[in-house]
């Protein structure tokens, strides 16, 4: 899980759609700064529309 201070533009990350299953992931690039939405810290990543929770991301 990423922390807010680790978020950097163009950083490569693994996105886990389901936190309970670490066998399923896709690789992306962070394309925005992070922001708060409904109590979650989210960020935009390549190939996905909208924001995704940083709890679902891991730096590569």
PDB file of N, CA and C in Angstrom:
ATOM      1  N   UNK A   1       0.842  -1.180   0.000  1.00  0.00           N
ATOM      2  CA  UNK A   1       0.000   0.000   0.000  1.00  0.00           C
ATOM      3  C   UNK A   1       0.889   1.247   0.000  1.00  0.00           C
ATOM      4  N   UNK A   2       0.550   2.189  -0.847  1.00  0.00           N
ATOM      5  CA  UNK A   2       1.300   3.437  -0.936  1.00  0.00           C
ATOM      6  C   UNK A   2       0.888   4.421   0.151  1.00  0.00           C
ATOM      7  N   UNK A   3       1.792   5.289   0.494  1.00  0.00           N
ATOM      8  CA  UNK A   3       1.488   6.411   1.382  1.00  0.00           C
ATOM      9  C   UNK A   3       1.469   7.671   0.528  1.00  0.00           C
ATOM     10  N   UNK A   4       0.737   8.672   0.975  1.00  0.00           N
ATOM     11  CA  UNK A   4       0.572   9.905   0.205  1.00  0.00           C
ATOM     12  C   UNK A   4       1.912  10.501  -0.211  1.00  0.00           C
ATOM     13  N   UNK A   5       2.904  10.481   0.673  1.00  0.00           N
ATOM     14  CA  UNK A   5       4.191  11.088   0.356  1.00  0.00           C
ATOM     15  C   UNK A   5       4.976  10.300  -0.690  1.00  0.00           C
ATOM     16  N   UNK A   6       4.558   9.067  -1.021  1.00  0.00           N
ATOM     17  CA  UNK A   6       5.222   8.265  -2.045  1.00  0.00           C
ATOM     18  C   UNK A   6       4.666   8.517  -3.448  1.00  0.00           C
ATOM     19  N   UNK A   7       3.562   9.237  -3.556  1.00  0.00           N
ATOM     20  CA  UNK A   7       2.914   9.475  -4.845  1.00  0.00           C
ATOM     21  C   UNK A   7       3.751  10.446  -5.660  1.00  0.00           C
ATOM     22  N   UNK A   8       4.177  10.002  -6.837  1.00  0.00           N
ATOM     23  CA  UNK A   8       4.935  10.852  -7.742  1.00  0.00           C
ATOM     24  C   UNK A   8       4.419  10.630  -9.157  1.00  0.00           C
ATOM     25  N   UNK A   9       4.314  11.704  -9.905  1.00  0.00           N
ATOM     26  CA  UNK A   9       3.897  11.608 -11.297  1.00  0.00           C
ATOM     27  C   UNK A   9       4.839  10.664 -12.046  1.00  0.00           C
ATOM     28  N   UNK A  10       4.279   9.879 -12.948  1.00  0.00           N
ATOM     29  CA  UNK A  10       5.003   8.943 -13.805  1.00  0.00           C
ATOM     30  C   UNK A  10       5.628   7.752 -13.074  1.00  0.00           C
ATOM     31  N   UNK A  11       5.330   7.569 -11.799  1.00  0.00           N
ATOM     32  CA  UNK A  11       5.829   6.394 -11.082  1.00  0.00           C
ATOM     33  C   UNK A  11       5.077   5.162 -11.579  1.00  0.00           C
ATOM     34  N   UNK A  12       5.789   4.047 -11.715  1.00  0.00           N
ATOM     35  CA  UNK A  12       5.169   2.802 -12.147  1.00  0.00           C
ATOM     36  C   UNK A  12       4.615   2.074 -10.927  1.00  0.00           C
ATOM     37  N   UNK A  13       3.369   1.571 -11.066  1.00  0.00           N
ATOM     38  CA  UNK A  13       2.703   0.901  -9.958  1.00  0.00           C
ATOM     39  C   UNK A  13       1.983  -0.358 -10.426  1.00  0.00           C
ATOM     40  N   UNK A  14       1.736  -1.232  -9.483  1.00  0.00           N
ATOM     41  CA  UNK A  14       0.845  -2.368  -9.704  1.00  0.00           C
ATOM     42  C   UNK A  14      -0.491  -2.003  -9.087  1.00  0.00           C
ATOM     43  N   UNK A  15      -1.574  -2.253  -9.823  1.00  0.00           N
ATOM     44  CA  UNK A  15      -2.924  -1.984  -9.348  1.00  0.00           C
ATOM     45  C   UNK A  15      -3.605  -3.316  -9.060  1.00  0.00           C
ATOM     46  N   UNK A  16      -4.049  -3.493  -7.822  1.00  0.00           N
ATOM     47  CA  UNK A  16      -4.741  -4.703  -7.393  1.00  0.00           C
ATOM     48  C   UNK A  16      -6.231  -4.387  -7.264  1.00  0.00           C
ATOM     49  N   UNK A  17      -7.067  -4.856  -8.208  1.00  0.00           N
ATOM     50  CA  UNK A  17      -8.502  -4.576  -8.125  1.00  0.00           C
ATOM     51  C   UNK A  17      -9.124  -5.117  -6.838  1.00  0.00           C
ATOM     52  N   UNK A  18      -8.667  -6.294  -6.399  1.00  0.00           N
ATOM     53  CA  UNK A  18      -9.160  -6.907  -5.164  1.00  0.00           C
ATOM     54  C   UNK A  18      -7.991  -7.072  -4.201  1.00  0.00           C
ATOM     55  N   UNK A  19      -8.055  -6.420  -3.061  1.00  0.00           N
ATOM     56  CA  UNK A  19      -6.938  -6.470  -2.117  1.00  0.00           C
ATOM     57  C   UNK A  19      -6.687  -7.872  -1.573  1.00  0.00           C
ATOM     58  N   UNK A  20      -7.713  -8.710  -1.533  1.00  0.00           N
ATOM     59  CA  UNK A  20      -7.560 -10.061  -0.983  1.00  0.00           C
ATOM     60  C   UNK A  20      -6.844 -11.005  -1.936  1.00  0.00           C
ATOM     61  N   UNK A  21      -6.726 -10.622  -3.212  1.00  0.00           N
ATOM     62  CA  UNK A  21      -6.105 -11.500  -4.197  1.00  0.00           C
ATOM     63  C   UNK A  21      -4.917 -10.785  -4.839  1.00  0.00           C
ATOM     64  N   UNK A  22      -3.727 -10.985  -4.292  1.00  0.00           N
ATOM     65  CA  UNK A  22      -2.522 -10.330  -4.801  1.00  0.00           C
ATOM     66  C   UNK A  22      -1.973 -11.007  -6.055  1.00  0.00           C
ATOM     67  N   UNK A  23      -2.628 -12.079  -6.527  1.00  0.00           N
ATOM     68  CA  UNK A  23      -2.200 -12.751  -7.748  1.00  0.00           C
ATOM     69  C   UNK A  23      -2.700 -12.027  -8.996  1.00  0.00           C
ATOM     70  N   UNK A  24      -3.723 -11.188  -8.830  1.00  0.00           N
ATOM     71  CA  UNK A  24      -4.328 -10.486  -9.967  1.00  0.00           C
ATOM     72  C   UNK A  24      -3.984  -9.002  -9.866  1.00  0.00           C
ATOM     73  N   UNK A  25      -3.232  -8.509 -10.859  1.00  0.00           N
ATOM     74  CA  UNK A  25      -2.870  -7.092 -10.876  1.00  0.00           C
ATOM     75  C   UNK A  25      -2.574  -6.674 -12.311  1.00  0.00           C
ATOM     76  N   UNK A  26      -2.572  -5.375 -12.536  1.00  0.00           N
ATOM     77  CA  UNK A  26      -2.142  -4.813 -13.804  1.00  0.00           C
ATOM     78  C   UNK A  26      -1.136  -3.705 -13.496  1.00  0.00           C
ATOM     79  N   UNK A  27      -0.272  -3.421 -14.462  1.00  0.00           N
ATOM     80  CA  UNK A  27       0.748  -2.389 -14.259  1.00  0.00           C
ATOM     81  C   UNK A  27       0.331  -1.091 -14.939  1.00  0.00           C
ATOM     82  N   UNK A  28       0.563   0.021 -14.257  1.00  0.00           N
ATOM     83  CA  UNK A  28       0.132   1.332 -14.730  1.00  0.00           C
ATOM     84  C   UNK A  28       1.174   2.381 -14.353  1.00  0.00           C
ATOM     85  N   UNK A  29       0.895   3.621 -14.748  1.00  0.00           N
ATOM     86  CA  UNK A  29       1.723   4.779 -14.405  1.00  0.00           C
ATOM     87  C   UNK A  29       0.811   5.798 -13.733  1.00  0.00           C
ATOM     88  N   UNK A  30       1.282   6.418 -12.671  1.00  0.00           N
ATOM     89  CA  UNK A  30       0.512   7.468 -11.988  1.00  0.00           C
ATOM     90  C   UNK A  30       0.485   8.707 -12.876  1.00  0.00           C
ATOM     91  N   UNK A  31      -0.719   9.250 -13.108  1.00  0.00           N
ATOM     92  CA  UNK A  31      -0.860  10.390 -14.022  1.00  0.00           C
ATOM     93  C   UNK A  31      -1.407  11.651 -13.353  1.00  0.00           C
ATOM     94  N   UNK A  32      -1.541  11.656 -12.018  1.00  0.00           N
ATOM     95  CA  UNK A  32      -2.048  12.857 -11.340  1.00  0.00           C
ATOM     96  C   UNK A  32      -1.504  12.919  -9.918  1.00  0.00           C
ATOM     97  N   UNK A  33      -1.711  14.057  -9.304  1.00  0.00           N
ATOM     98  CA  UNK A  33      -1.459  14.198  -7.875  1.00  0.00           C
ATOM     99  C   UNK A  33      -2.608  13.506  -7.147  1.00  0.00           C
ATOM    100  N   UNK A  34      -2.425  13.191  -5.876  1.00  0.00           N
ATOM    101  CA  UNK A  34      -3.506  12.535  -5.133  1.00  0.00           C
ATOM    102  C   UNK A  34      -4.472  13.579  -4.574  1.00  0.00           C
ATOM    103  N   UNK A  35      -5.704  13.120  -4.287  1.00  0.00           N
ATOM    104  CA  UNK A  35      -6.723  13.961  -3.680  1.00  0.00           C
ATOM    105  C   UNK A  35      -7.632  13.094  -2.831  1.00  0.00           C
ATOM    106  N   UNK A  36      -8.443  13.729  -2.012  1.00  0.00           N
ATOM    107  CA  UNK A  36      -9.373  13.025  -1.134  1.00  0.00           C
ATOM    108  C   UNK A  36     -10.740  12.919  -1.785  1.00  0.00           C
ATOM    109  N   UNK A  37     -11.341  11.726  -1.705  1.00  0.00           N
ATOM    110  CA  UNK A  37     -12.691  11.513  -2.228  1.00  0.00           C
ATOM    111  C   UNK A  37     -13.405  10.528  -1.301  1.00  0.00           C
ATOM    112  N   UNK A  38     -14.463  10.986  -0.674  1.00  0.00           N
ATOM    113  CA  UNK A  38     -15.277  10.127   0.206  1.00  0.00           C
ATOM    114  C   UNK A  38     -14.437   9.447   1.282  1.00  0.00           C
ATOM    115  N   UNK A  39     -13.485  10.150   1.849  1.00  0.00           N
ATOM    116  CA  UNK A  39     -12.659   9.609   2.913  1.00  0.00           C
ATOM    117  C   UNK A  39     -11.502   8.743   2.451  1.00  0.00           C
ATOM    118  N   UNK A  40     -11.315   8.608   1.153  1.00  0.00           N
ATOM    119  CA  UNK A  40     -10.219   7.816   0.593  1.00  0.00           C
ATOM    120  C   UNK A  40      -9.246   8.743  -0.128  1.00  0.00           C
ATOM    121  N   UNK A  41      -7.977   8.400  -0.102  1.00  0.00           N
ATOM    122  CA  UNK A  41      -6.992   9.108  -0.911  1.00  0.00           C
ATOM    123  C   UNK A  41      -6.922   8.380  -2.243  1.00  0.00           C
ATOM    124  N   UNK A  42      -7.148   9.107  -3.339  1.00  0.00           N
ATOM    125  CA  UNK A  42      -7.191   8.514  -4.666  1.00  0.00           C
ATOM    126  C   UNK A  42      -6.220   9.232  -5.596  1.00  0.00           C
ATOM    127  N   UNK A  43      -5.924   8.571  -6.717  1.00  0.00           N
ATOM    128  CA  UNK A  43      -5.008   9.107  -7.712  1.00  0.00           C
ATOM    129  C   UNK A  43      -5.435   8.555  -9.068  1.00  0.00           C
ATOM    130  N   UNK A  44      -5.116   9.256 -10.131  1.00  0.00           N
ATOM    131  CA  UNK A  44      -5.384   8.737 -11.474  1.00  0.00           C
ATOM    132  C   UNK A  44      -4.200   7.912 -11.938  1.00  0.00           C
ATOM    133  N   UNK A  45      -4.508   6.807 -12.636  1.00  0.00           N
ATOM    134  CA  UNK A  45      -3.470   5.973 -13.227  1.00  0.00           C
ATOM    135  C   UNK A  45      -3.797   5.741 -14.695  1.00  0.00           C
ATOM    136  N   UNK A  46      -2.784   5.463 -15.482  1.00  0.00           N
ATOM    137  CA  UNK A  46      -2.981   5.236 -16.911  1.00  0.00           C
ATOM    138  C   UNK A  46      -3.910   4.037 -17.132  1.00  0.00           C
ATOM    139  N   UNK A  47      -4.775   4.148 -18.128  1.00  0.00           N
ATOM    140  CA  UNK A  47      -5.639   3.037 -18.493  1.00  0.00           C
ATOM    141  C   UNK A  47      -6.896   2.889 -17.665  1.00  0.00           C
ATOM    142  N   UNK A  48      -7.099   3.742 -16.667  1.00  0.00           N
ATOM    143  CA  UNK A  48      -8.302   3.691 -15.834  1.00  0.00           C
ATOM    144  C   UNK A  48      -8.931   5.084 -15.806  1.00  0.00           C
ATOM    145  N   UNK A  49     -10.251   5.125 -15.884  1.00  0.00           N
ATOM    146  CA  UNK A  49     -10.923   6.421 -15.778  1.00  0.00           C
ATOM    147  C   UNK A  49     -11.253   6.689 -14.317  1.00  0.00           C
ATOM    148  N   UNK A  50     -11.209   7.947 -13.931  1.00  0.00           N
ATOM    149  CA  UNK A  50     -11.482   8.321 -12.549  1.00  0.00           C
ATOM    150  C   UNK A  50     -10.300   8.026 -11.657  1.00  0.00           C
ATOM    151  N   UNK A  51     -10.535   8.131 -10.355  1.00  0.00           N
ATOM    152  CA  UNK A  51      -9.474   7.897  -9.394  1.00  0.00           C
ATOM    153  C   UNK A  51      -9.551   6.502  -8.787  1.00  0.00           C
ATOM    154  N   UNK A  52      -8.411   5.974  -8.397  1.00  0.00           N
ATOM    155  CA  UNK A  52      -8.358   4.692  -7.703  1.00  0.00           C
ATOM    156  C   UNK A  52      -7.704   4.909  -6.342  1.00  0.00           C
ATOM    157  N   UNK A  53      -8.144   4.164  -5.366  1.00  0.00           N
ATOM    158  CA  UNK A  53      -7.610   4.279  -4.017  1.00  0.00           C
ATOM    159  C   UNK A  53      -6.138   3.885  -4.005  1.00  0.00           C
ATOM    160  N   UNK A  54      -5.322   4.672  -3.294  1.00  0.00           N
ATOM    161  CA  UNK A  54      -3.907   4.339  -3.219  1.00  0.00           C
ATOM    162  C   UNK A  54      -3.668   3.070  -2.415  1.00  0.00           C
ATOM    163  N   UNK A  55      -4.674   2.606  -1.673  1.00  0.00           N
ATOM    164  CA  UNK A  55      -4.559   1.351  -0.948  1.00  0.00           C
ATOM    165  C   UNK A  55      -4.460   0.162  -1.905  1.00  0.00           C
ATOM    166  N   UNK A  56      -4.884   0.346  -3.139  1.00  0.00           N
ATOM    167  CA  UNK A  56      -4.848  -0.716  -4.138  1.00  0.00           C
ATOM    168  C   UNK A  56      -3.586  -0.660  -5.007  1.00  0.00           C
ATOM    169  N   UNK A  57      -2.648   0.222  -4.664  1.00  0.00           N
ATOM    170  CA  UNK A  57      -1.445   0.406  -5.488  1.00  0.00           C
ATOM    171  C   UNK A  57      -0.185  -0.001  -4.737  1.00  0.00           C
ATOM    172  N   UNK A  58       0.802  -0.445  -5.515  1.00  0.00           N
ATOM    173  CA  UNK A  58       2.114  -0.798  -4.973  1.00  0.00           C
ATOM    174  C   UNK A  58       3.162  -0.329  -5.972  1.00  0.00           C
ATOM    175  N   UNK A  59       4.188   0.363  -5.493  1.00  0.00           N
ATOM    176  CA  UNK A  59       5.274   0.802  -6.381  1.00  0.00           C
ATOM    177  C   UNK A  59       6.012  -0.392  -6.957  1.00  0.00           C
ATOM    178  N   UNK A  60       6.421  -0.272  -8.206  1.00  0.00           N
ATOM    179  CA  UNK A  60       7.214  -1.334  -8.847  1.00  0.00           C
ATOM    180  C   UNK A  60       8.677  -0.976  -8.678  1.00  0.00           C
TER     181      UNK A  60
END
